[in-house]
Amino acid sequence: CISHILAVLVFYIPVIGVSMIHRFGRHLPHIVHCLIAYVYLVV
């Protein structure tokens, strides 16, 4: 199960990050929004 667990973490951690940034991180620097989005879609 280890490979699958790692794949789940690689996908869902950025998903949670993007959701949290969009809803609660409006005052963060814009570069943070960009980097989280790239991590979510590219990594």
PDB file of all heavy atoms in Angstrom:
ATOM      1  N   CYS A   1       0.806  -1.226   0.000  1.00  0.00           N
ATOM      2  CA  CYS A   1       0.000   0.000   0.000  1.00  0.00           C
ATOM      3  C   CYS A   1       0.835   1.271   0.000  1.00  0.00           C
ATOM      4  O   CYS A   1       0.288   2.363  -0.198  1.00  0.00           O
ATOM      5  CB  CYS A   1      -0.916   0.030   1.230  1.00  0.00           C
ATOM      6  SG  CYS A   1      -2.073  -1.348   1.340  1.00  0.00           S
ATOM      7  N   ILE A   2       2.137   1.146   0.242  1.00  0.00           N
ATOM      8  CA  ILE A   2       2.956   2.347   0.449  1.00  0.00           C
ATOM      9  C   ILE A   2       2.939   3.270  -0.764  1.00  0.00           C
ATOM     10  O   ILE A   2       2.785   4.498  -0.636  1.00  0.00           O
ATOM     11  CB  ILE A   2       4.406   1.948   0.816  1.00  0.00           C
ATOM     12  CG1 ILE A   2       4.431   1.361   2.232  1.00  0.00           C
ATOM     13  CG2 ILE A   2       5.330   3.167   0.754  1.00  0.00           C
ATOM     14  CD1 ILE A   2       5.790   0.867   2.672  1.00  0.00           C
ATOM     15  N   SER A   3       3.102   2.699  -1.958  1.00  0.00           N
ATOM     16  CA  SER A   3       3.118   3.534  -3.168  1.00  0.00           C
ATOM     17  C   SER A   3       1.819   4.308  -3.311  1.00  0.00           C
ATOM     18  O   SER A   3       1.829   5.508  -3.629  1.00  0.00           O
ATOM     19  CB  SER A   3       3.342   2.656  -4.409  1.00  0.00           C
ATOM     20  OG  SER A   3       4.577   2.007  -4.351  1.00  0.00           O
ATOM     21  N   HIS A   4       0.706   3.621  -3.065  1.00  0.00           N
ATOM     22  CA  HIS A   4      -0.594   4.281  -3.198  1.00  0.00           C
ATOM     23  C   HIS A   4      -0.774   5.364  -2.145  1.00  0.00           C
ATOM     24  O   HIS A   4      -1.282   6.452  -2.437  1.00  0.00           O
ATOM     25  CB  HIS A   4      -1.732   3.264  -3.105  1.00  0.00           C
ATOM     26  CG  HIS A   4      -3.087   3.873  -3.198  1.00  0.00           C
ATOM     27  ND1 HIS A   4      -3.926   4.000  -2.105  1.00  0.00           N
ATOM     28  CD2 HIS A   4      -3.746   4.445  -4.241  1.00  0.00           C
ATOM     29  CE1 HIS A   4      -5.039   4.590  -2.492  1.00  0.00           C
ATOM     30  NE2 HIS A   4      -4.963   4.870  -3.762  1.00  0.00           N
ATOM     31  N   ILE A   5      -0.354   5.082  -0.913  1.00  0.00           N
ATOM     32  CA  ILE A   5      -0.467   6.084   0.155  1.00  0.00           C
ATOM     33  C   ILE A   5       0.337   7.339  -0.200  1.00  0.00           C
ATOM     34  O   ILE A   5      -0.144   8.469  -0.025  1.00  0.00           O
ATOM     35  CB  ILE A   5       0.018   5.500   1.500  1.00  0.00           C
ATOM     36  CG1 ILE A   5      -0.958   4.421   1.985  1.00  0.00           C
ATOM     37  CG2 ILE A   5       0.153   6.591   2.554  1.00  0.00           C
ATOM     38  CD1 ILE A   5      -0.474   3.648   3.191  1.00  0.00           C
ATOM     39  N   LEU A   6       1.528   7.154  -0.738  1.00  0.00           N
ATOM     40  CA  LEU A   6       2.344   8.307  -1.139  1.00  0.00           C
ATOM     41  C   LEU A   6       1.679   9.081  -2.274  1.00  0.00           C
ATOM     42  O   LEU A   6       1.682  10.321  -2.274  1.00  0.00           O
ATOM     43  CB  LEU A   6       3.739   7.830  -1.569  1.00  0.00           C
ATOM     44  CG  LEU A   6       4.633   7.280  -0.457  1.00  0.00           C
ATOM     45  CD1 LEU A   6       5.927   6.719  -1.044  1.00  0.00           C
ATOM     46  CD2 LEU A   6       4.947   8.348   0.581  1.00  0.00           C
ATOM     47  N   ALA A   7       1.094   8.360  -3.237  1.00  0.00           N
ATOM     48  CA  ALA A   7       0.391   9.031  -4.344  1.00  0.00           C
ATOM     49  C   ALA A   7      -0.803   9.830  -3.837  1.00  0.00           C
ATOM     50  O   ALA A   7      -1.075  10.940  -4.314  1.00  0.00           O
ATOM     51  CB  ALA A   7      -0.069   7.996  -5.378  1.00  0.00           C
ATOM     52  N   VAL A   8      -1.513   9.273  -2.854  1.00  0.00           N
ATOM     53  CA  VAL A   8      -2.656   9.975  -2.250  1.00  0.00           C
ATOM     54  C   VAL A   8      -2.184  11.260  -1.567  1.00  0.00           C
ATOM     55  O   VAL A   8      -2.787  12.325  -1.736  1.00  0.00           O
ATOM     56  CB  VAL A   8      -3.386   9.058  -1.242  1.00  0.00           C
ATOM     57  CG1 VAL A   8      -4.377   9.863  -0.394  1.00  0.00           C
ATOM     58  CG2 VAL A   8      -4.129   7.943  -1.981  1.00  0.00           C
ATOM     59  N   LEU A   9      -1.104  11.169  -0.808  1.00  0.00           N
ATOM     60  CA  LEU A   9      -0.583  12.348  -0.107  1.00  0.00           C
ATOM     61  C   LEU A   9      -0.096  13.408  -1.092  1.00  0.00           C
ATOM     62  O   LEU A   9      -0.340  14.603  -0.905  1.00  0.00           O
ATOM     63  CB  LEU A   9       0.562  11.940   0.830  1.00  0.00           C
ATOM     64  CG  LEU A   9       0.174  11.059   2.018  1.00  0.00           C
ATOM     65  CD1 LEU A   9       1.413  10.647   2.802  1.00  0.00           C
ATOM     66  CD2 LEU A   9      -0.815  11.770   2.931  1.00  0.00           C
ATOM     67  N   VAL A  10       0.579  12.969  -2.163  1.00  0.00           N
ATOM     68  CA  VAL A  10       1.099  13.899  -3.172  1.00  0.00           C
ATOM     69  C   VAL A  10      -0.040  14.657  -3.847  1.00  0.00           C
ATOM     70  O   VAL A  10       0.109  15.833  -4.213  1.00  0.00           O
ATOM     71  CB  VAL A  10       1.945  13.124  -4.215  1.00  0.00           C
ATOM     72  CG1 VAL A  10       2.136  13.939  -5.476  1.00  0.00           C
ATOM     73  CG2 VAL A  10       3.296  12.759  -3.620  1.00  0.00           C
ATOM     74  N   PHE A  11      -1.184  14.013  -4.001  1.00  0.00           N
ATOM     75  CA  PHE A  11      -2.324  14.668  -4.656  1.00  0.00           C
ATOM     76  C   PHE A  11      -3.143  15.503  -3.677  1.00  0.00           C
ATOM     77  O   PHE A  11      -3.452  16.671  -3.948  1.00  0.00           O
ATOM     78  CB  PHE A  11      -3.237  13.622  -5.303  1.00  0.00           C
ATOM     79  CG  PHE A  11      -4.476  14.203  -5.939  1.00  0.00           C
ATOM     80  CD1 PHE A  11      -4.399  14.862  -7.159  1.00  0.00           C
ATOM     81  CD2 PHE A  11      -5.708  14.116  -5.321  1.00  0.00           C
ATOM     82  CE1 PHE A  11      -5.536  15.418  -7.755  1.00  0.00           C
ATOM     83  CE2 PHE A  11      -6.856  14.659  -5.902  1.00  0.00           C
ATOM     84  CZ  PHE A  11      -6.768  15.306  -7.123  1.00  0.00           C
ATOM     85  N   TYR A  12      -3.489  14.941  -2.517  1.00  0.00           N
ATOM     86  CA  TYR A  12      -4.458  15.600  -1.641  1.00  0.00           C
ATOM     87  C   TYR A  12      -3.871  16.726  -0.794  1.00  0.00           C
ATOM     88  O   TYR A  12      -4.584  17.672  -0.456  1.00  0.00           O
ATOM     89  CB  TYR A  12      -5.147  14.564  -0.732  1.00  0.00           C
ATOM     90  CG  TYR A  12      -6.255  13.838  -1.444  1.00  0.00           C
ATOM     91  CD1 TYR A  12      -6.068  12.564  -1.946  1.00  0.00           C
ATOM     92  CD2 TYR A  12      -7.495  14.445  -1.640  1.00  0.00           C
ATOM     93  CE1 TYR A  12      -7.090  11.899  -2.620  1.00  0.00           C
ATOM     94  CE2 TYR A  12      -8.520  13.790  -2.308  1.00  0.00           C
ATOM     95  CZ  TYR A  12      -8.300  12.523  -2.794  1.00  0.00           C
ATOM     96  OH  TYR A  12      -9.314  11.881  -3.462  1.00  0.00           O
ATOM     97  N   ILE A  13      -2.595  16.649  -0.450  1.00  0.00           N
ATOM     98  CA  ILE A  13      -2.008  17.744   0.333  1.00  0.00           C
ATOM     99  C   ILE A  13      -2.027  19.059  -0.456  1.00  0.00           C
ATOM    100  O   ILE A  13      -2.470  20.095   0.058  1.00  0.00           O
ATOM    101  CB  ILE A  13      -0.582  17.382   0.815  1.00  0.00           C
ATOM    102  CG1 ILE A  13      -0.654  16.312   1.908  1.00  0.00           C
ATOM    103  CG2 ILE A  13       0.146  18.625   1.335  1.00  0.00           C
ATOM    104  CD1 ILE A  13       0.692  15.803   2.384  1.00  0.00           C
ATOM    105  N   PRO A  14      -1.582  19.082  -1.729  1.00  0.00           N
ATOM    106  CA  PRO A  14      -1.728  20.324  -2.503  1.00  0.00           C
ATOM    107  C   PRO A  14      -3.182  20.743  -2.723  1.00  0.00           C
ATOM    108  O   PRO A  14      -3.477  21.943  -2.756  1.00  0.00           O
ATOM    109  CB  PRO A  14      -1.049  19.988  -3.841  1.00  0.00           C
ATOM    110  CG  PRO A  14      -0.119  18.884  -3.541  1.00  0.00           C
ATOM    111  CD  PRO A  14      -0.798  18.075  -2.473  1.00  0.00           C
ATOM    112  N   VAL A  15      -4.098  19.765  -2.885  1.00  0.00           N
ATOM    113  CA  VAL A  15      -5.520  20.097  -3.045  1.00  0.00           C
ATOM    114  C   VAL A  15      -6.025  20.854  -1.822  1.00  0.00           C
ATOM    115  O   VAL A  15      -6.701  21.888  -1.939  1.00  0.00           O
ATOM    116  CB  VAL A  15      -6.369  18.818  -3.263  1.00  0.00           C
ATOM    117  CG1 VAL A  15      -7.858  19.119  -3.082  1.00  0.00           C
ATOM    118  CG2 VAL A  15      -6.140  18.261  -4.662  1.00  0.00           C
ATOM    119  N   ILE A  16      -5.682  20.345  -0.648  1.00  0.00           N
ATOM    120  CA  ILE A  16      -6.086  21.015   0.594  1.00  0.00           C
ATOM    121  C   ILE A  16      -5.429  22.394   0.669  1.00  0.00           C
ATOM    122  O   ILE A  16      -6.063  23.383   1.057  1.00  0.00           O
ATOM    123  CB  ILE A  16      -5.695  20.156   1.816  1.00  0.00           C
ATOM    124  CG1 ILE A  16      -6.518  18.851   1.828  1.00  0.00           C
ATOM    125  CG2 ILE A  16      -5.916  20.931   3.114  1.00  0.00           C
ATOM    126  CD1 ILE A  16      -6.027  17.830   2.834  1.00  0.00           C
ATOM    127  N   GLY A  17      -4.155  22.467   0.266  1.00  0.00           N
ATOM    128  CA  GLY A  17      -3.445  23.748   0.284  1.00  0.00           C
ATOM    129  C   GLY A  17      -4.104  24.780  -0.611  1.00  0.00           C
ATOM    130  O   GLY A  17      -4.300  25.934  -0.217  1.00  0.00           O
ATOM    131  N   VAL A  18      -4.470  24.378  -1.830  1.00  0.00           N
ATOM    132  CA  VAL A  18      -5.136  25.291  -2.764  1.00  0.00           C
ATOM    133  C   VAL A  18      -6.464  25.763  -2.194  1.00  0.00           C
ATOM    134  O   VAL A  18      -6.806  26.954  -2.254  1.00  0.00           O
ATOM    135  CB  VAL A  18      -5.348  24.603  -4.137  1.00  0.00           C
ATOM    136  CG1 VAL A  18      -6.306  25.414  -5.006  1.00  0.00           C
ATOM    137  CG2 VAL A  18      -4.021  24.443  -4.855  1.00  0.00           C
ATOM    138  N   SER A  19      -7.249  24.835  -1.622  1.00  0.00           N
ATOM    139  CA  SER A  19      -8.553  25.191  -1.058  1.00  0.00           C
ATOM    140  C   SER A  19      -8.408  26.179   0.092  1.00  0.00           C
ATOM    141  O   SER A  19      -9.151  27.164   0.183  1.00  0.00           O
ATOM    142  CB  SER A  19      -9.275  23.925  -0.570  1.00  0.00           C
ATOM    143  OG  SER A  19      -9.487  23.027  -1.628  1.00  0.00           O
ATOM    144  N   MET A  20      -7.443  25.915   0.975  1.00  0.00           N
ATOM    145  CA  MET A  20      -7.244  26.788   2.124  1.00  0.00           C
ATOM    146  C   MET A  20      -6.765  28.175   1.681  1.00  0.00           C
ATOM    147  O   MET A  20      -7.230  29.197   2.200  1.00  0.00           O
ATOM    148  CB  MET A  20      -6.212  26.160   3.071  1.00  0.00           C
ATOM    149  CG  MET A  20      -6.646  24.836   3.671  1.00  0.00           C
ATOM    150  SD  MET A  20      -8.071  24.995   4.774  1.00  0.00           S
ATOM    151  CE  MET A  20      -7.317  25.739   6.201  1.00  0.00           C
ATOM    152  N   ILE A  21      -5.851  28.218   0.714  1.00  0.00           N
ATOM    153  CA  ILE A  21      -5.316  29.495   0.233  1.00  0.00           C
ATOM    154  C   ILE A  21      -6.420  30.343  -0.400  1.00  0.00           C
ATOM    155  O   ILE A  21      -6.530  31.553  -0.147  1.00  0.00           O
ATOM    156  CB  ILE A  21      -4.180  29.250  -0.782  1.00  0.00           C
ATOM    157  CG1 ILE A  21      -2.927  28.739  -0.076  1.00  0.00           C
ATOM    158  CG2 ILE A  21      -3.868  30.511  -1.565  1.00  0.00           C
ATOM    159  CD1 ILE A  21      -2.202  29.773   0.739  1.00  0.00           C
ATOM    160  N   HIS A  22      -7.261  29.703  -1.227  1.00  0.00           N
ATOM    161  CA  HIS A  22      -8.315  30.445  -1.925  1.00  0.00           C
ATOM    162  C   HIS A  22      -9.363  30.997  -0.957  1.00  0.00           C
ATOM    163  O   HIS A  22      -9.957  32.052  -1.208  1.00  0.00           O
ATOM    164  CB  HIS A  22      -8.992  29.558  -2.966  1.00  0.00           C
ATOM    165  CG  HIS A  22      -8.340  29.631  -4.318  1.00  0.00           C
ATOM    166  ND1 HIS A  22      -8.405  30.742  -5.125  1.00  0.00           N
ATOM    167  CD2 HIS A  22      -7.587  28.730  -4.996  1.00  0.00           C
ATOM    168  CE1 HIS A  22      -7.726  30.530  -6.229  1.00  0.00           C
ATOM    169  NE2 HIS A  22      -7.212  29.320  -6.183  1.00  0.00           N
ATOM    170  N   ARG A  23      -9.603  30.284   0.153  1.00  0.00           N
ATOM    171  CA  ARG A  23     -10.663  30.702   1.059  1.00  0.00           C
ATOM    172  C   ARG A  23     -10.168  31.562   2.213  1.00  0.00           C
ATOM    173  O   ARG A  23     -10.862  32.452   2.680  1.00  0.00           O
ATOM    174  CB  ARG A  23     -11.398  29.459   1.597  1.00  0.00           C
ATOM    175  CG  ARG A  23     -12.387  28.918   0.577  1.00  0.00           C
ATOM    176  CD  ARG A  23     -12.742  27.448   0.832  1.00  0.00           C
ATOM    177  NE  ARG A  23     -13.642  26.951  -0.206  1.00  0.00           N
ATOM    178  CZ  ARG A  23     -13.269  26.621  -1.429  1.00  0.00           C
ATOM    179  NH1 ARG A  23     -12.007  26.747  -1.782  1.00  0.00           N
ATOM    180  NH2 ARG A  23     -14.130  26.177  -2.319  1.00  0.00           N
ATOM    181  N   PHE A  24      -8.954  31.281   2.711  1.00  0.00           N
ATOM    182  CA  PHE A  24      -8.492  31.975   3.910  1.00  0.00           C
ATOM    183  C   PHE A  24      -7.180  32.740   3.725  1.00  0.00           C
ATOM    184  O   PHE A  24      -6.748  33.434   4.645  1.00  0.00           O
ATOM    185  CB  PHE A  24      -8.308  30.968   5.059  1.00  0.00           C
ATOM    186  CG  PHE A  24      -9.526  30.111   5.314  1.00  0.00           C
ATOM    187  CD1 PHE A  24      -9.504  28.753   5.029  1.00  0.00           C
ATOM    188  CD2 PHE A  24     -10.691  30.672   5.809  1.00  0.00           C
ATOM    189  CE1 PHE A  24     -10.623  27.962   5.257  1.00  0.00           C
ATOM    190  CE2 PHE A  24     -11.810  29.898   6.039  1.00  0.00           C
ATOM    191  CZ  PHE A  24     -11.788  28.545   5.757  1.00  0.00           C
ATOM    192  N   GLY A  25      -6.555  32.599   2.550  1.00  0.00           N
ATOM    193  CA  GLY A  25      -5.247  33.221   2.376  1.00  0.00           C
ATOM    194  C   GLY A  25      -5.240  34.385   1.420  1.00  0.00           C
ATOM    195  O   GLY A  25      -4.265  34.608   0.703  1.00  0.00           O
ATOM    196  N   ARG A  26      -6.343  35.140   1.400  1.00  0.00           N
ATOM    197  CA  ARG A  26      -6.438  36.253   0.449  1.00  0.00           C
ATOM    198  C   ARG A  26      -5.412  37.350   0.706  1.00  0.00           C
ATOM    199  O   ARG A  26      -5.079  38.116  -0.196  1.00  0.00           O
ATOM    200  CB  ARG A  26      -7.859  36.840   0.501  1.00  0.00           C
ATOM    201  CG  ARG A  26      -8.920  35.861   0.007  1.00  0.00           C
ATOM    202  CD  ARG A  26     -10.311  36.390   0.223  1.00  0.00           C
ATOM    203  NE  ARG A  26     -11.316  35.409  -0.148  1.00  0.00           N
ATOM    204  CZ  ARG A  26     -12.626  35.555   0.062  1.00  0.00           C
ATOM    205  NH1 ARG A  26     -13.064  36.660   0.633  1.00  0.00           N
ATOM    206  NH2 ARG A  26     -13.469  34.613  -0.301  1.00  0.00           N
ATOM    207  N   HIS A  27      -4.930  37.438   1.936  1.00  0.00           N
ATOM    208  CA  HIS A  27      -3.978  38.501   2.273  1.00  0.00           C
ATOM    209  C   HIS A  27      -2.522  38.052   2.107  1.00  0.00           C
ATOM    210  O   HIS A  27      -1.613  38.844   2.320  1.00  0.00           O
ATOM    211  CB  HIS A  27      -4.208  38.978   3.706  1.00  0.00           C
ATOM    212  CG  HIS A  27      -5.611  39.473   3.952  1.00  0.00           C
ATOM    213  ND1 HIS A  27      -6.126  40.570   3.295  1.00  0.00           N
ATOM    214  CD2 HIS A  27      -6.609  39.015   4.756  1.00  0.00           C
ATOM    215  CE1 HIS A  27      -7.374  40.788   3.698  1.00  0.00           C
ATOM    216  NE2 HIS A  27      -7.693  39.847   4.573  1.00  0.00           N
ATOM    217  N   LEU A  28      -2.320  36.784   1.727  1.00  0.00           N
ATOM    218  CA  LEU A  28      -0.963  36.306   1.502  1.00  0.00           C
ATOM    219  C   LEU A  28      -0.409  36.889   0.205  1.00  0.00           C
ATOM    220  O   LEU A  28      -1.174  37.259  -0.688  1.00  0.00           O
ATOM    221  CB  LEU A  28      -0.953  34.775   1.424  1.00  0.00           C
ATOM    222  CG  LEU A  28      -1.234  34.023   2.729  1.00  0.00           C
ATOM    223  CD1 LEU A  28      -1.353  32.525   2.452  1.00  0.00           C
ATOM    224  CD2 LEU A  28      -0.132  34.269   3.743  1.00  0.00           C
ATOM    225  N   PRO A  29       0.908  36.986   0.082  1.00  0.00           N
ATOM    226  CA  PRO A  29       1.496  37.475  -1.178  1.00  0.00           C
ATOM    227  C   PRO A  29       1.026  36.641  -2.362  1.00  0.00           C
ATOM    228  O   PRO A  29       0.847  35.423  -2.239  1.00  0.00           O
ATOM    229  CB  PRO A  29       3.008  37.311  -0.939  1.00  0.00           C
ATOM    230  CG  PRO A  29       3.175  37.298   0.538  1.00  0.00           C
ATOM    231  CD  PRO A  29       1.927  36.682   1.099  1.00  0.00           C
ATOM    232  N   HIS A  30       0.853  37.301  -3.508  1.00  0.00           N
ATOM    233  CA  HIS A  30       0.309  36.616  -4.673  1.00  0.00           C
ATOM    234  C   HIS A  30       1.201  35.470  -5.142  1.00  0.00           C
ATOM    235  O   HIS A  30       0.717  34.471  -5.684  1.00  0.00           O
ATOM    236  CB  HIS A  30       0.113  37.612  -5.821  1.00  0.00           C
ATOM    237  CG  HIS A  30      -0.620  37.038  -6.978  1.00  0.00           C
ATOM    238  ND1 HIS A  30      -1.901  36.525  -6.872  1.00  0.00           N
ATOM    239  CD2 HIS A  30      -0.243  36.848  -8.270  1.00  0.00           C
ATOM    240  CE1 HIS A  30      -2.283  36.065  -8.048  1.00  0.00           C
ATOM    241  NE2 HIS A  30      -1.296  36.249  -8.911  1.00  0.00           N
ATOM    242  N   ILE A  31       2.496  35.583  -4.888  1.00  0.00           N
ATOM    243  CA  ILE A  31       3.412  34.529  -5.311  1.00  0.00           C
ATOM    244  C   ILE A  31       3.110  33.214  -4.594  1.00  0.00           C
ATOM    245  O   ILE A  31       3.323  32.125  -5.147  1.00  0.00           O
ATOM    246  CB  ILE A  31       4.885  34.960  -5.085  1.00  0.00           C
ATOM    247  CG1 ILE A  31       5.826  33.975  -5.769  1.00  0.00           C
ATOM    248  CG2 ILE A  31       5.199  35.089  -3.604  1.00  0.00           C
ATOM    249  CD1 ILE A  31       7.266  34.432  -5.788  1.00  0.00           C
ATOM    250  N   VAL A  32       2.588  33.300  -3.358  1.00  0.00           N
ATOM    251  CA  VAL A  32       2.229  32.089  -2.611  1.00  0.00           C
ATOM    252  C   VAL A  32       1.082  31.365  -3.301  1.00  0.00           C
ATOM    253  O   VAL A  32       1.105  30.134  -3.461  1.00  0.00           O
ATOM    254  CB  VAL A  32       1.843  32.446  -1.152  1.00  0.00           C
ATOM    255  CG1 VAL A  32       1.354  31.205  -0.402  1.00  0.00           C
ATOM    256  CG2 VAL A  32       3.019  33.077  -0.432  1.00  0.00           C
ATOM    257  N   HIS A  33       0.072  32.109  -3.748  1.00  0.00           N
ATOM    258  CA  HIS A  33      -1.052  31.517  -4.487  1.00  0.00           C
ATOM    259  C   HIS A  33      -0.546  30.795  -5.736  1.00  0.00           C
ATOM    260  O   HIS A  33      -0.979  29.683  -6.046  1.00  0.00           O
ATOM    261  CB  HIS A  33      -2.050  32.609  -4.886  1.00  0.00           C
ATOM    262  CG  HIS A  33      -2.801  33.196  -3.740  1.00  0.00           C
ATOM    263  ND1 HIS A  33      -4.135  32.918  -3.499  1.00  0.00           N
ATOM    264  CD2 HIS A  33      -2.414  34.039  -2.742  1.00  0.00           C
ATOM    265  CE1 HIS A  33      -4.528  33.569  -2.427  1.00  0.00           C
ATOM    266  NE2 HIS A  33      -3.509  34.258  -1.956  1.00  0.00           N
ATOM    267  N   CYS A  34       0.357  31.447  -6.464  1.00  0.00           N
ATOM    268  CA  CYS A  34       0.882  30.871  -7.706  1.00  0.00           C
ATOM    269  C   CYS A  34       1.644  29.582  -7.443  1.00  0.00           C
ATOM    270  O   CYS A  34       1.439  28.575  -8.121  1.00  0.00           O
ATOM    271  CB  CYS A  34       1.790  31.868  -8.414  1.00  0.00           C
ATOM    272  SG  CYS A  34       0.896  33.155  -9.292  1.00  0.00           S
ATOM    273  N   LEU A  35       2.528  29.616  -6.457  1.00  0.00           N
ATOM    274  CA  LEU A  35       3.368  28.452  -6.190  1.00  0.00           C
ATOM    275  C   LEU A  35       2.544  27.254  -5.730  1.00  0.00           C
ATOM    276  O   LEU A  35       2.805  26.114  -6.136  1.00  0.00           O
ATOM    277  CB  LEU A  35       4.442  28.799  -5.148  1.00  0.00           C
ATOM    278  CG  LEU A  35       5.506  29.803  -5.616  1.00  0.00           C
ATOM    279  CD1 LEU A  35       6.474  30.126  -4.489  1.00  0.00           C
ATOM    280  CD2 LEU A  35       6.267  29.252  -6.826  1.00  0.00           C
ATOM    281  N   ILE A  36       1.530  27.497  -4.883  1.00  0.00           N
ATOM    282  CA  ILE A  36       0.665  26.398  -4.425  1.00  0.00           C
ATOM    283  C   ILE A  36      -0.083  25.788  -5.606  1.00  0.00           C
ATOM    284  O   ILE A  36      -0.229  24.561  -5.708  1.00  0.00           O
ATOM    285  CB  ILE A  36      -0.337  26.911  -3.361  1.00  0.00           C
ATOM    286  CG1 ILE A  36       0.391  27.271  -2.070  1.00  0.00           C
ATOM    287  CG2 ILE A  36      -1.405  25.857  -3.081  1.00  0.00           C
ATOM    288  CD1 ILE A  36       0.950  26.092  -1.314  1.00  0.00           C
ATOM    289  N   ALA A  37      -0.552  26.632  -6.514  1.00  0.00           N
ATOM    290  CA  ALA A  37      -1.269  26.137  -7.695  1.00  0.00           C
ATOM    291  C   ALA A  37      -0.355  25.297  -8.576  1.00  0.00           C
ATOM    292  O   ALA A  37      -0.761  24.257  -9.102  1.00  0.00           O
ATOM    293  CB  ALA A  37      -1.851  27.304  -8.486  1.00  0.00           C
ATOM    294  N   TYR A  38       0.892  25.740  -8.752  1.00  0.00           N
ATOM    295  CA  TYR A  38       1.840  24.970  -9.560  1.00  0.00           C
ATOM    296  C   TYR A  38       2.158  23.626  -8.892  1.00  0.00           C
ATOM    297  O   TYR A  38       2.273  22.602  -9.574  1.00  0.00           O
ATOM    298  CB  TYR A  38       3.132  25.760  -9.786  1.00  0.00           C
ATOM    299  CG  TYR A  38       3.006  26.856 -10.810  1.00  0.00           C
ATOM    300  CD1 TYR A  38       3.337  28.175 -10.504  1.00  0.00           C
ATOM    301  CD2 TYR A  38       2.549  26.570 -12.105  1.00  0.00           C
ATOM    302  CE1 TYR A  38       3.227  29.187 -11.451  1.00  0.00           C
ATOM    303  CE2 TYR A  38       2.433  27.579 -13.045  1.00  0.00           C
ATOM    304  CZ  TYR A  38       2.761  28.889 -12.712  1.00  0.00           C
ATOM    305  OH  TYR A  38       2.641  29.879 -13.652  1.00  0.00           O
ATOM    306  N   VAL A  39       2.312  23.645  -7.568  1.00  0.00           N
ATOM    307  CA  VAL A  39       2.564  22.394  -6.843  1.00  0.00           C
ATOM    308  C   VAL A  39       1.392  21.432  -7.045  1.00  0.00           C
ATOM    309  O   VAL A  39       1.578  20.227  -7.282  1.00  0.00           O
ATOM    310  CB  VAL A  39       2.787  22.673  -5.336  1.00  0.00           C
ATOM    311  CG1 VAL A  39       2.768  21.376  -4.538  1.00  0.00           C
ATOM    312  CG2 VAL A  39       4.101  23.408  -5.124  1.00  0.00           C
ATOM    313  N   TYR A  40       0.186  21.953  -6.980  1.00  0.00           N
ATOM    314  CA  TYR A  40      -1.032  21.149  -7.121  1.00  0.00           C
ATOM    315  C   TYR A  40      -1.135  20.505  -8.507  1.00  0.00           C
ATOM    316  O   TYR A  40      -1.495  19.330  -8.639  1.00  0.00           O
ATOM    317  CB  TYR A  40      -2.239  22.050  -6.845  1.00  0.00           C
ATOM    318  CG  TYR A  40      -3.572  21.539  -7.325  1.00  0.00           C
ATOM    319  CD1 TYR A  40      -4.030  20.274  -6.998  1.00  0.00           C
ATOM    320  CD2 TYR A  40      -4.403  22.357  -8.095  1.00  0.00           C
ATOM    321  CE1 TYR A  40      -5.268  19.822  -7.430  1.00  0.00           C
ATOM    322  CE2 TYR A  40      -5.644  21.926  -8.523  1.00  0.00           C
ATOM    323  CZ  TYR A  40      -6.074  20.647  -8.187  1.00  0.00           C
ATOM    324  OH  TYR A  40      -7.292  20.203  -8.620  1.00  0.00           O
ATOM    325  N   LEU A  41      -0.778  21.251  -9.566  1.00  0.00           N
ATOM    326  CA  LEU A  41      -1.003  20.769 -10.933  1.00  0.00           C
ATOM    327  C   LEU A  41       0.227  20.128 -11.577  1.00  0.00           C
ATOM    328  O   LEU A  41       0.082  19.264 -12.444  1.00  0.00           O
ATOM    329  CB  LEU A  41      -1.482  21.927 -11.814  1.00  0.00           C
ATOM    330  CG  LEU A  41      -2.885  22.446 -11.485  1.00  0.00           C
ATOM    331  CD1 LEU A  41      -3.169  23.727 -12.237  1.00  0.00           C
ATOM    332  CD2 LEU A  41      -3.935  21.395 -11.819  1.00  0.00           C
ATOM    333  N   VAL A  42       1.421  20.524 -11.172  1.00  0.00           N
ATOM    334  CA  VAL A  42       2.628  20.053 -11.848  1.00  0.00           C
ATOM    335  C   VAL A  42       3.315  18.927 -11.088  1.00  0.00           C
ATOM    336  O   VAL A  42       3.801  17.964 -11.695  1.00  0.00           O
ATOM    337  CB  VAL A  42       3.616  21.225 -12.070  1.00  0.00           C
ATOM    338  CG1 VAL A  42       4.895  20.734 -12.737  1.00  0.00           C
ATOM    339  CG2 VAL A  42       2.968  22.329 -12.905  1.00  0.00           C
ATOM    340  N   VAL A  43       3.344  19.014  -9.765  1.00  0.00           N
ATOM    341  CA  VAL A  43       4.148  18.076  -8.979  1.00  0.00           C
ATOM    342  C   VAL A  43       3.604  16.639  -8.982  1.00  0.00           C
ATOM    343  O   VAL A  43       4.385  15.694  -9.190  1.00  0.00           O
ATOM    344  CB  VAL A  43       4.324  18.602  -7.536  1.00  0.00           C
ATOM    345  CG1 VAL A  43       4.970  17.545  -6.641  1.00  0.00           C
ATOM    346  CG2 VAL A  43       5.174  19.867  -7.553  1.00  0.00           C
TER     347      VAL A  43
END
